[in-house]
Amino acid sequence: MLSEDGKTKIANRLRRISGQVSAIERMIEEDEYCVDILMQIAAANGALGKVGQIILESHINSCVKDAMQNGDAKERQKKLDELVDIFRKYARIS
């Protein structure tokens, strides 16, 4: 689980990302140079990826750690399967 401070930091990041996406929309509407638009898309993707990294790290350090220390074998396996699945999904994005 994310701490309240962590939630605030992520919310701030997401607001900045929202601003980047709005800027991309404006750039497209105003026929800005394609490479400039692509650079903004790359920046927004990178920022969103960073949010995902923060949430994943929190998940590993809380939910997964708890399952490994306190859960039964079924719960531990479930958490490991979830991690493998999310790593596969992230590998396709990158």
PDB file of N, CA and C in Angstrom:
ATOM      1  N   MET A   1       0.836  -1.181   0.000  1.00  0.00           N
ATOM      2  CA  MET A   1       0.000   0.000   0.000  1.00  0.00           C
ATOM      3  C   MET A   1       0.880   1.244   0.000  1.00  0.00           C
ATOM      4  N   LEU A   2       0.378   2.252  -0.666  1.00  0.00           N
ATOM      5  CA  LEU A   2       1.095   3.522  -0.713  1.00  0.00           C
ATOM      6  C   LEU A   2       0.837   4.325   0.555  1.00  0.00           C
ATOM      7  N   SER A   3       1.869   5.007   1.016  1.00  0.00           N
ATOM      8  CA  SER A   3       1.705   5.918   2.144  1.00  0.00           C
ATOM      9  C   SER A   3       0.934   7.146   1.667  1.00  0.00           C
ATOM     10  N   GLU A   4       0.464   7.938   2.598  1.00  0.00           N
ATOM     11  CA  GLU A   4      -0.246   9.171   2.217  1.00  0.00           C
ATOM     12  C   GLU A   4       0.689  10.100   1.449  1.00  0.00           C
ATOM     13  N   ASP A   5       1.949  10.170   1.868  1.00  0.00           N
ATOM     14  CA  ASP A   5       2.938  10.982   1.163  1.00  0.00           C
ATOM     15  C   ASP A   5       3.143  10.450  -0.256  1.00  0.00           C
ATOM     16  N   GLY A   6       3.223   9.136  -0.370  1.00  0.00           N
ATOM     17  CA  GLY A   6       3.378   8.515  -1.683  1.00  0.00           C
ATOM     18  C   GLY A   6       2.193   8.795  -2.589  1.00  0.00           C
ATOM     19  N   LYS A   7       0.993   8.733  -2.034  1.00  0.00           N
ATOM     20  CA  LYS A   7      -0.214   9.038  -2.817  1.00  0.00           C
ATOM     21  C   LYS A   7      -0.194  10.482  -3.303  1.00  0.00           C
ATOM     22  N   THR A   8       0.234  11.385  -2.436  1.00  0.00           N
ATOM     23  CA  THR A   8       0.300  12.799  -2.811  1.00  0.00           C
ATOM     24  C   THR A   8       1.302  13.009  -3.937  1.00  0.00           C
ATOM     25  N   LYS A   9       2.468  12.380  -3.833  1.00  0.00           N
ATOM     26  CA  LYS A   9       3.487  12.516  -4.871  1.00  0.00           C
ATOM     27  C   LYS A   9       2.994  11.956  -6.197  1.00  0.00           C
ATOM     28  N   ILE A  10       2.321  10.817  -6.152  1.00  0.00           N
ATOM     29  CA  ILE A  10       1.797  10.230  -7.385  1.00  0.00           C
ATOM     30  C   ILE A  10       0.694  11.108  -7.967  1.00  0.00           C
ATOM     31  N   ALA A  11      -0.173  11.629  -7.126  1.00  0.00           N
ATOM     32  CA  ALA A  11      -1.235  12.524  -7.611  1.00  0.00           C
ATOM     33  C   ALA A  11      -0.635  13.734  -8.305  1.00  0.00           C
ATOM     34  N   ASN A  12       0.437  14.291  -7.737  1.00  0.00           N
ATOM     35  CA  ASN A  12       1.111  15.442  -8.361  1.00  0.00           C
ATOM     36  C   ASN A  12       1.703  15.050  -9.713  1.00  0.00           C
ATOM     37  N   ARG A  13       2.332  13.891  -9.778  1.00  0.00           N
ATOM     38  CA  ARG A  13       2.892  13.412 -11.045  1.00  0.00           C
ATOM     39  C   ARG A  13       1.795  13.228 -12.087  1.00  0.00           C
ATOM     40  N   LEU A  14       0.678  12.652 -11.667  1.00  0.00           N
ATOM     41  CA  LEU A  14      -0.417  12.408 -12.601  1.00  0.00           C
ATOM     42  C   LEU A  14      -1.019  13.715 -13.110  1.00  0.00           C
ATOM     43  N   ARG A  15      -1.055  14.737 -12.274  1.00  0.00           N
ATOM     44  CA  ARG A  15      -1.534  16.041 -12.733  1.00  0.00           C
ATOM     45  C   ARG A  15      -0.588  16.620 -13.791  1.00  0.00           C
ATOM     46  N   ARG A  16       0.725  16.446 -13.578  1.00  0.00           N
ATOM     47  CA  ARG A  16       1.689  16.924 -14.575  1.00  0.00           C
ATOM     48  C   ARG A  16       1.517  16.148 -15.889  1.00  0.00           C
ATOM     49  N   ILE A  17       1.317  14.841 -15.783  1.00  0.00           N
ATOM     50  CA  ILE A  17       1.114  14.015 -16.975  1.00  0.00           C
ATOM     51  C   ILE A  17      -0.151  14.458 -17.710  1.00  0.00           C
ATOM     52  N   SER A  18      -1.192  14.733 -16.958  1.00  0.00           N
ATOM     53  CA  SER A  18      -2.432  15.225 -17.558  1.00  0.00           C
ATOM     54  C   SER A  18      -2.177  16.515 -18.328  1.00  0.00           C
ATOM     55  N   GLY A  19      -1.358  17.383 -17.763  1.00  0.00           N
ATOM     56  CA  GLY A  19      -0.990  18.620 -18.450  1.00  0.00           C
ATOM     57  C   GLY A  19      -0.208  18.341 -19.726  1.00  0.00           C
ATOM     58  N   GLN A  20       0.687  17.341 -19.666  1.00  0.00           N
ATOM     59  CA  GLN A  20       1.454  16.979 -20.861  1.00  0.00           C
ATOM     60  C   GLN A  20       0.519  16.464 -21.954  1.00  0.00           C
ATOM     61  N   VAL A  21      -0.440  15.623 -21.571  1.00  0.00           N
ATOM     62  CA  VAL A  21      -1.373  15.071 -22.554  1.00  0.00           C
ATOM     63  C   VAL A  21      -2.225  16.185 -23.155  1.00  0.00           C
ATOM     64  N   SER A  22      -2.649  17.128 -22.343  1.00  0.00           N
ATOM     65  CA  SER A  22      -3.402  18.276 -22.864  1.00  0.00           C
ATOM     66  C   SER A  22      -2.553  19.084 -23.835  1.00  0.00           C
ATOM     67  N   ALA A  23      -1.282  19.230 -23.519  1.00  0.00           N
ATOM     68  CA  ALA A  23      -0.375  19.966 -24.410  1.00  0.00           C
ATOM     69  C   ALA A  23      -0.211  19.220 -25.737  1.00  0.00           C
ATOM     70  N   ILE A  24      -0.155  17.903 -25.674  1.00  0.00           N
ATOM     71  CA  ILE A  24      -0.045  17.104 -26.909  1.00  0.00           C
ATOM     72  C   ILE A  24      -1.286  17.314 -27.770  1.00  0.00           C
ATOM     73  N   GLU A  25      -2.443  17.291 -27.126  1.00  0.00           N
ATOM     74  CA  GLU A  25      -3.688  17.511 -27.857  1.00  0.00           C
ATOM     75  C   GLU A  25      -3.679  18.885 -28.537  1.00  0.00           C
ATOM     76  N   ARG A  26      -3.246  19.896 -27.787  1.00  0.00           N
ATOM     77  CA  ARG A  26      -3.171  21.256 -28.335  1.00  0.00           C
ATOM     78  C   ARG A  26      -2.188  21.314 -29.496  1.00  0.00           C
ATOM     79  N   MET A  27      -1.043  20.655 -29.334  1.00  0.00           N
ATOM     80  CA  MET A  27      -0.028  20.649 -30.394  1.00  0.00           C
ATOM     81  C   MET A  27      -0.576  20.033 -31.674  1.00  0.00           C
ATOM     82  N   ILE A  28      -1.344  18.970 -31.538  1.00  0.00           N
ATOM     83  CA  ILE A  28      -1.933  18.326 -32.714  1.00  0.00           C
ATOM     84  C   ILE A  28      -2.948  19.265 -33.368  1.00  0.00           C
ATOM     85  N   GLU A  29      -3.792  19.878 -32.545  1.00  0.00           N
ATOM     86  CA  GLU A  29      -4.801  20.803 -33.076  1.00  0.00           C
ATOM     87  C   GLU A  29      -4.154  21.982 -33.796  1.00  0.00           C
ATOM     88  N   GLU A  30      -2.987  22.407 -33.322  1.00  0.00           N
ATOM     89  CA  GLU A  30      -2.308  23.572 -33.897  1.00  0.00           C
ATOM     90  C   GLU A  30      -1.285  23.188 -34.962  1.00  0.00           C
ATOM     91  N   ASP A  31      -1.317  21.923 -35.399  1.00  0.00           N
ATOM     92  CA  ASP A  31      -0.420  21.430 -36.447  1.00  0.00           C
ATOM     93  C   ASP A  31       1.053  21.689 -36.143  1.00  0.00           C
ATOM     94  N   GLU A  32       1.427  21.438 -34.900  1.00  0.00           N
ATOM     95  CA  GLU A  32       2.840  21.585 -34.514  1.00  0.00           C
ATOM     96  C   GLU A  32       3.683  20.539 -35.257  1.00  0.00           C
ATOM     97  N   TYR A  33       4.963  20.755 -35.244  1.00  0.00           N
ATOM     98  CA  TYR A  33       5.913  19.864 -35.909  1.00  0.00           C
ATOM     99  C   TYR A  33       5.822  18.455 -35.302  1.00  0.00           C
ATOM    100  N   CYS A  34       5.707  17.454 -36.164  1.00  0.00           N
ATOM    101  CA  CYS A  34       5.480  16.071 -35.722  1.00  0.00           C
ATOM    102  C   CYS A  34       6.533  15.587 -34.725  1.00  0.00           C
ATOM    103  N   VAL A  35       7.779  15.916 -34.967  1.00  0.00           N
ATOM    104  CA  VAL A  35       8.849  15.459 -34.070  1.00  0.00           C
ATOM    105  C   VAL A  35       8.670  16.057 -32.681  1.00  0.00           C
ATOM    106  N   ASP A  36       8.244  17.300 -32.609  1.00  0.00           N
ATOM    107  CA  ASP A  36       7.994  17.926 -31.303  1.00  0.00           C
ATOM    108  C   ASP A  36       6.857  17.210 -30.568  1.00  0.00           C
ATOM    109  N   ILE A  37       5.831  16.841 -31.309  1.00  0.00           N
ATOM    110  CA  ILE A  37       4.718  16.101 -30.705  1.00  0.00           C
ATOM    111  C   ILE A  37       5.200  14.743 -30.200  1.00  0.00           C
ATOM    112  N   LEU A  38       5.976  14.071 -31.014  1.00  0.00           N
ATOM    113  CA  LEU A  38       6.501  12.758 -30.617  1.00  0.00           C
ATOM    114  C   LEU A  38       7.385  12.857 -29.378  1.00  0.00           C
ATOM    115  N   MET A  39       8.145  13.929 -29.273  1.00  0.00           N
ATOM    116  CA  MET A  39       8.981  14.122 -28.081  1.00  0.00           C
ATOM    117  C   MET A  39       8.108  14.300 -26.837  1.00  0.00           C
ATOM    118  N   GLN A  40       7.028  15.029 -26.974  1.00  0.00           N
ATOM    119  CA  GLN A  40       6.112  15.202 -25.844  1.00  0.00           C
ATOM    120  C   GLN A  40       5.431  13.886 -25.475  1.00  0.00           C
ATOM    121  N   ILE A  41       5.089  13.092 -26.470  1.00  0.00           N
ATOM    122  CA  ILE A  41       4.492  11.774 -26.201  1.00  0.00           C
ATOM    123  C   ILE A  41       5.491  10.901 -25.454  1.00  0.00           C
ATOM    124  N   ALA A  42       6.752  10.925 -25.889  1.00  0.00           N
ATOM    125  CA  ALA A  42       7.785  10.141 -25.210  1.00  0.00           C
ATOM    126  C   ALA A  42       7.947  10.594 -23.759  1.00  0.00           C
ATOM    127  N   ALA A  43       7.895  11.899 -23.536  1.00  0.00           N
ATOM    128  CA  ALA A  43       8.028  12.424 -22.168  1.00  0.00           C
ATOM    129  C   ALA A  43       6.852  11.980 -21.304  1.00  0.00           C
ATOM    130  N   ALA A  44       5.637  12.035 -21.851  1.00  0.00           N
ATOM    131  CA  ALA A  44       4.453  11.605 -21.096  1.00  0.00           C
ATOM    132  C   ALA A  44       4.514  10.108 -20.809  1.00  0.00           C
ATOM    133  N   ASN A  45       4.937   9.320 -21.796  1.00  0.00           N
ATOM    134  CA  ASN A  45       5.086   7.880 -21.574  1.00  0.00           C
ATOM    135  C   ASN A  45       6.111   7.592 -20.482  1.00  0.00           C
ATOM    136  N   GLY A  46       7.221   8.304 -20.515  1.00  0.00           N
ATOM    137  CA  GLY A  46       8.248   8.120 -19.493  1.00  0.00           C
ATOM    138  C   GLY A  46       7.743   8.476 -18.106  1.00  0.00           C
ATOM    139  N   ALA A  47       7.006   9.561 -18.020  1.00  0.00           N
ATOM    140  CA  ALA A  47       6.465   9.984 -16.729  1.00  0.00           C
ATOM    141  C   ALA A  47       5.446   8.977 -16.204  1.00  0.00           C
ATOM    142  N   LEU A  48       4.608   8.463 -17.077  1.00  0.00           N
ATOM    143  CA  LEU A  48       3.626   7.464 -16.663  1.00  0.00           C
ATOM    144  C   LEU A  48       4.321   6.162 -16.266  1.00  0.00           C
ATOM    145  N   GLY A  49       5.377   5.815 -16.988  1.00  0.00           N
ATOM    146  CA  GLY A  49       6.160   4.640 -16.623  1.00  0.00           C
ATOM    147  C   GLY A  49       6.771   4.779 -15.238  1.00  0.00           C
ATOM    148  N   LYS A  50       7.219   5.982 -14.898  1.00  0.00           N
ATOM    149  CA  LYS A  50       7.792   6.225 -13.570  1.00  0.00           C
ATOM    150  C   LYS A  50       6.742   6.034 -12.489  1.00  0.00           C
ATOM    151  N   VAL A  51       5.505   6.484 -12.741  1.00  0.00           N
ATOM    152  CA  VAL A  51       4.422   6.263 -11.778  1.00  0.00           C
ATOM    153  C   VAL A  51       4.214   4.766 -11.581  1.00  0.00           C
ATOM    154  N   GLY A  52       4.232   4.019 -12.673  1.00  0.00           N
ATOM    155  CA  GLY A  52       4.091   2.571 -12.576  1.00  0.00           C
ATOM    156  C   GLY A  52       5.207   1.939 -11.767  1.00  0.00           C
ATOM    157  N   GLN A  53       6.427   2.408 -11.951  1.00  0.00           N
ATOM    158  CA  GLN A  53       7.558   1.889 -11.186  1.00  0.00           C
ATOM    159  C   GLN A  53       7.383   2.142  -9.693  1.00  0.00           C
ATOM    160  N   ILE A  54       6.933   3.326  -9.356  1.00  0.00           N
ATOM    161  CA  ILE A  54       6.736   3.675  -7.944  1.00  0.00           C
ATOM    162  C   ILE A  54       5.672   2.776  -7.323  1.00  0.00           C
ATOM    163  N   ILE A  55       4.576   2.578  -8.041  1.00  0.00           N
ATOM    164  CA  ILE A  55       3.493   1.737  -7.518  1.00  0.00           C
ATOM    165  C   ILE A  55       3.947   0.286  -7.422  1.00  0.00           C
ATOM    166  N   LEU A  56       4.673  -0.206  -8.424  1.00  0.00           N
ATOM    167  CA  LEU A  56       5.173  -1.573  -8.385  1.00  0.00           C
ATOM    168  C   LEU A  56       6.126  -1.782  -7.210  1.00  0.00           C
ATOM    169  N   GLU A  57       7.023  -0.840  -7.007  1.00  0.00           N
ATOM    170  CA  GLU A  57       7.963  -0.944  -5.878  1.00  0.00           C
ATOM    171  C   GLU A  57       7.209  -0.980  -4.550  1.00  0.00           C
ATOM    172  N   SER A  58       6.206  -0.141  -4.426  1.00  0.00           N
ATOM    173  CA  SER A  58       5.394  -0.138  -3.209  1.00  0.00           C
ATOM    174  C   SER A  58       4.681  -1.477  -3.021  1.00  0.00           C
ATOM    175  N   HIS A  59       4.156  -2.006  -4.100  1.00  0.00           N
ATOM    176  CA  HIS A  59       3.457  -3.294  -4.042  1.00  0.00           C
ATOM    177  C   HIS A  59       4.400  -4.410  -3.583  1.00  0.00           C
ATOM    178  N   ILE A  60       5.591  -4.421  -4.147  1.00  0.00           N
ATOM    179  CA  ILE A  60       6.566  -5.457  -3.774  1.00  0.00           C
ATOM    180  C   ILE A  60       6.954  -5.316  -2.301  1.00  0.00           C
ATOM    181  N   ASN A  61       7.168  -4.074  -1.862  1.00  0.00           N
ATOM    182  CA  ASN A  61       7.614  -3.848  -0.489  1.00  0.00           C
ATOM    183  C   ASN A  61       6.515  -3.972   0.551  1.00  0.00           C
ATOM    184  N   SER A  62       5.275  -4.068   0.113  1.00  0.00           N
ATOM    185  CA  SER A  62       4.183  -4.210   1.076  1.00  0.00           C
ATOM    186  C   SER A  62       3.430  -5.518   0.840  1.00  0.00           C
ATOM    187  N   CYS A  63       2.628  -5.575  -0.178  1.00  0.00           N
ATOM    188  CA  CYS A  63       1.750  -6.729  -0.414  1.00  0.00           C
ATOM    189  C   CYS A  63       2.534  -8.022  -0.642  1.00  0.00           C
ATOM    190  N   VAL A  64       3.521  -7.958  -1.523  1.00  0.00           N
ATOM    191  CA  VAL A  64       4.291  -9.165  -1.827  1.00  0.00           C
ATOM    192  C   VAL A  64       5.124  -9.582  -0.624  1.00  0.00           C
ATOM    193  N   LYS A  65       5.769  -8.625  -0.003  1.00  0.00           N
ATOM    194  CA  LYS A  65       6.587  -8.924   1.177  1.00  0.00           C
ATOM    195  C   LYS A  65       5.739  -9.575   2.267  1.00  0.00           C
ATOM    196  N   ASP A  66       4.553  -9.017   2.511  1.00  0.00           N
ATOM    197  CA  ASP A  66       3.657  -9.580   3.525  1.00  0.00           C
ATOM    198  C   ASP A  66       3.252 -11.010   3.178  1.00  0.00           C
ATOM    199  N   ALA A  67       2.928 -11.245   1.912  1.00  0.00           N
ATOM    200  CA  ALA A  67       2.536 -12.598   1.497  1.00  0.00           C
ATOM    201  C   ALA A  67       3.689 -13.581   1.672  1.00  0.00           C
ATOM    202  N   MET A  68       4.902 -13.147   1.388  1.00  0.00           N
ATOM    203  CA  MET A  68       6.058 -14.042   1.511  1.00  0.00           C
ATOM    204  C   MET A  68       6.353 -14.358   2.985  1.00  0.00           C
ATOM    205  N   GLN A  69       6.114 -13.386   3.856  1.00  0.00           N
ATOM    206  CA  GLN A  69       6.422 -13.587   5.271  1.00  0.00           C
ATOM    207  C   GLN A  69       5.280 -14.245   6.033  1.00  0.00           C
ATOM    208  N   ASN A  70       4.044 -13.941   5.667  1.00  0.00           N
ATOM    209  CA  ASN A  70       2.912 -14.361   6.486  1.00  0.00           C
ATOM    210  C   ASN A  70       1.881 -15.227   5.769  1.00  0.00           C
ATOM    211  N   GLY A  71       1.915 -15.252   4.465  1.00  0.00           N
ATOM    212  CA  GLY A  71       0.892 -15.974   3.724  1.00  0.00           C
ATOM    213  C   GLY A  71       1.167 -17.463   3.635  1.00  0.00           C
ATOM    214  N   ASP A  72       0.130 -18.184   3.264  1.00  0.00           N
ATOM    215  CA  ASP A  72       0.309 -19.613   3.031  1.00  0.00           C
ATOM    216  C   ASP A  72       0.888 -19.808   1.627  1.00  0.00           C
ATOM    217  N   ALA A  73       1.181 -21.041   1.279  1.00  0.00           N
ATOM    218  CA  ALA A  73       1.821 -21.331  -0.008  1.00  0.00           C
ATOM    219  C   ALA A  73       0.984 -20.840  -1.183  1.00  0.00           C
ATOM    220  N   LYS A  74      -0.329 -20.983  -1.085  1.00  0.00           N
ATOM    221  CA  LYS A  74      -1.212 -20.541  -2.166  1.00  0.00           C
ATOM    222  C   LYS A  74      -1.142 -19.025  -2.355  1.00  0.00           C
ATOM    223  N   GLU A  75      -1.144 -18.306  -1.248  1.00  0.00           N
ATOM    224  CA  GLU A  75      -1.069 -16.836  -1.315  1.00  0.00           C
ATOM    225  C   GLU A  75       0.284 -16.381  -1.866  1.00  0.00           C
ATOM    226  N   ARG A  76       1.365 -17.029  -1.443  1.00  0.00           N
ATOM    227  CA  ARG A  76       2.692 -16.680  -1.966  1.00  0.00           C
ATOM    228  C   ARG A  76       2.749 -16.908  -3.468  1.00  0.00           C
ATOM    229  N   GLN A  77       2.223 -18.039  -3.928  1.00  0.00           N
ATOM    230  CA  GLN A  77       2.240 -18.337  -5.352  1.00  0.00           C
ATOM    231  C   GLN A  77       1.395 -17.336  -6.140  1.00  0.00           C
ATOM    232  N   LYS A  78       0.274 -16.941  -5.573  1.00  0.00           N
ATOM    233  CA  LYS A  78      -0.587 -15.952  -6.225  1.00  0.00           C
ATOM    234  C   LYS A  78       0.173 -14.644  -6.439  1.00  0.00           C
ATOM    235  N   LYS A  79       0.887 -14.192  -5.421  1.00  0.00           N
ATOM    236  CA  LYS A  79       1.646 -12.939  -5.538  1.00  0.00           C
ATOM    237  C   LYS A  79       2.766 -13.069  -6.563  1.00  0.00           C
ATOM    238  N   LEU A  80       3.435 -14.199  -6.598  1.00  0.00           N
ATOM    239  CA  LEU A  80       4.491 -14.407  -7.590  1.00  0.00           C
ATOM    240  C   LEU A  80       3.912 -14.425  -9.000  1.00  0.00           C
ATOM    241  N   ASP A  81       2.776 -15.078  -9.174  1.00  0.00           N
ATOM    242  CA  ASP A  81       2.122 -15.110 -10.483  1.00  0.00           C
ATOM    243  C   ASP A  81       1.725 -13.700 -10.928  1.00  0.00           C
ATOM    244  N   GLU A  82       1.220 -12.907  -9.994  1.00  0.00           N
ATOM    245  CA  GLU A  82       0.864 -11.515 -10.310  1.00  0.00           C
ATOM    246  C   GLU A  82       2.090 -10.735 -10.779  1.00  0.00           C
ATOM    247  N   LEU A  83       3.212 -10.919 -10.093  1.00  0.00           N
ATOM    248  CA  LEU A  83       4.431 -10.209 -10.472  1.00  0.00           C
ATOM    249  C   LEU A  83       4.896 -10.606 -11.867  1.00  0.00           C
ATOM    250  N   VAL A  84       4.888 -11.893 -12.149  1.00  0.00           N
ATOM    251  CA  VAL A  84       5.301 -12.358 -13.468  1.00  0.00           C
ATOM    252  C   VAL A  84       4.399 -11.756 -14.533  1.00  0.00           C
ATOM    253  N   ASP A  85       3.093 -11.743 -14.274  1.00  0.00           N
ATOM    254  CA  ASP A  85       2.136 -11.184 -15.226  1.00  0.00           C
ATOM    255  C   ASP A  85       2.391  -9.699 -15.470  1.00  0.00           C
ATOM    256  N   ILE A  86       2.602  -8.950 -14.402  1.00  0.00           N
ATOM    257  CA  ILE A  86       2.814  -7.505 -14.571  1.00  0.00           C
ATOM    258  C   ILE A  86       4.151  -7.226 -15.255  1.00  0.00           C
ATOM    259  N   PHE A  87       5.174  -8.030 -14.976  1.00  0.00           N
ATOM    260  CA  PHE A  87       6.454  -7.849 -15.667  1.00  0.00           C
ATOM    261  C   PHE A  87       6.292  -8.120 -17.161  1.00  0.00           C
ATOM    262  N   ARG A  88       5.498  -9.115 -17.514  1.00  0.00           N
ATOM    263  CA  ARG A  88       5.241  -9.403 -18.940  1.00  0.00           C
ATOM    264  C   ARG A  88       4.536  -8.224 -19.604  1.00  0.00           C
ATOM    265  N   LYS A  89       3.551  -7.657 -18.922  1.00  0.00           N
ATOM    266  CA  LYS A  89       2.816  -6.526 -19.481  1.00  0.00           C
ATOM    267  C   LYS A  89       3.726  -5.321 -19.651  1.00  0.00           C
ATOM    268  N   TYR A  90       4.575  -5.059 -18.683  1.00  0.00           N
ATOM    269  CA  TYR A  90       5.492  -3.927 -18.783  1.00  0.00           C
ATOM    270  C   TYR A  90       6.531  -4.148 -19.872  1.00  0.00           C
ATOM    271  N   ALA A  91       6.927  -5.382 -20.077  1.00  0.00           N
ATOM    272  CA  ALA A  91       7.908  -5.668 -21.131  1.00  0.00           C
ATOM    273  C   ALA A  91       7.333  -5.354 -22.507  1.00  0.00           C
ATOM    274  N   ARG A  92       6.048  -5.541 -22.680  1.00  0.00           N
ATOM    275  CA  ARG A  92       5.403  -5.239 -23.968  1.00  0.00           C
ATOM    276  C   ARG A  92       5.267  -3.745 -24.178  1.00  0.00           C
ATOM    277  N   ILE A  93       5.163  -2.981 -23.107  1.00  0.00           N
ATOM    278  CA  ILE A  93       5.002  -1.540 -23.217  1.00  0.00           C
ATOM    279  C   ILE A  93       6.329  -0.885 -23.592  1.00  0.00           C
ATOM    280  N   SER A  94       7.391  -1.345 -22.985  1.00  0.00           N
ATOM    281  CA  SER A  94       8.697  -0.697 -23.177  1.00  0.00           C
ATOM    282  C   SER A  94       9.261  -0.951 -24.549  1.00  0.00           C
TER     283      SER A  94
END
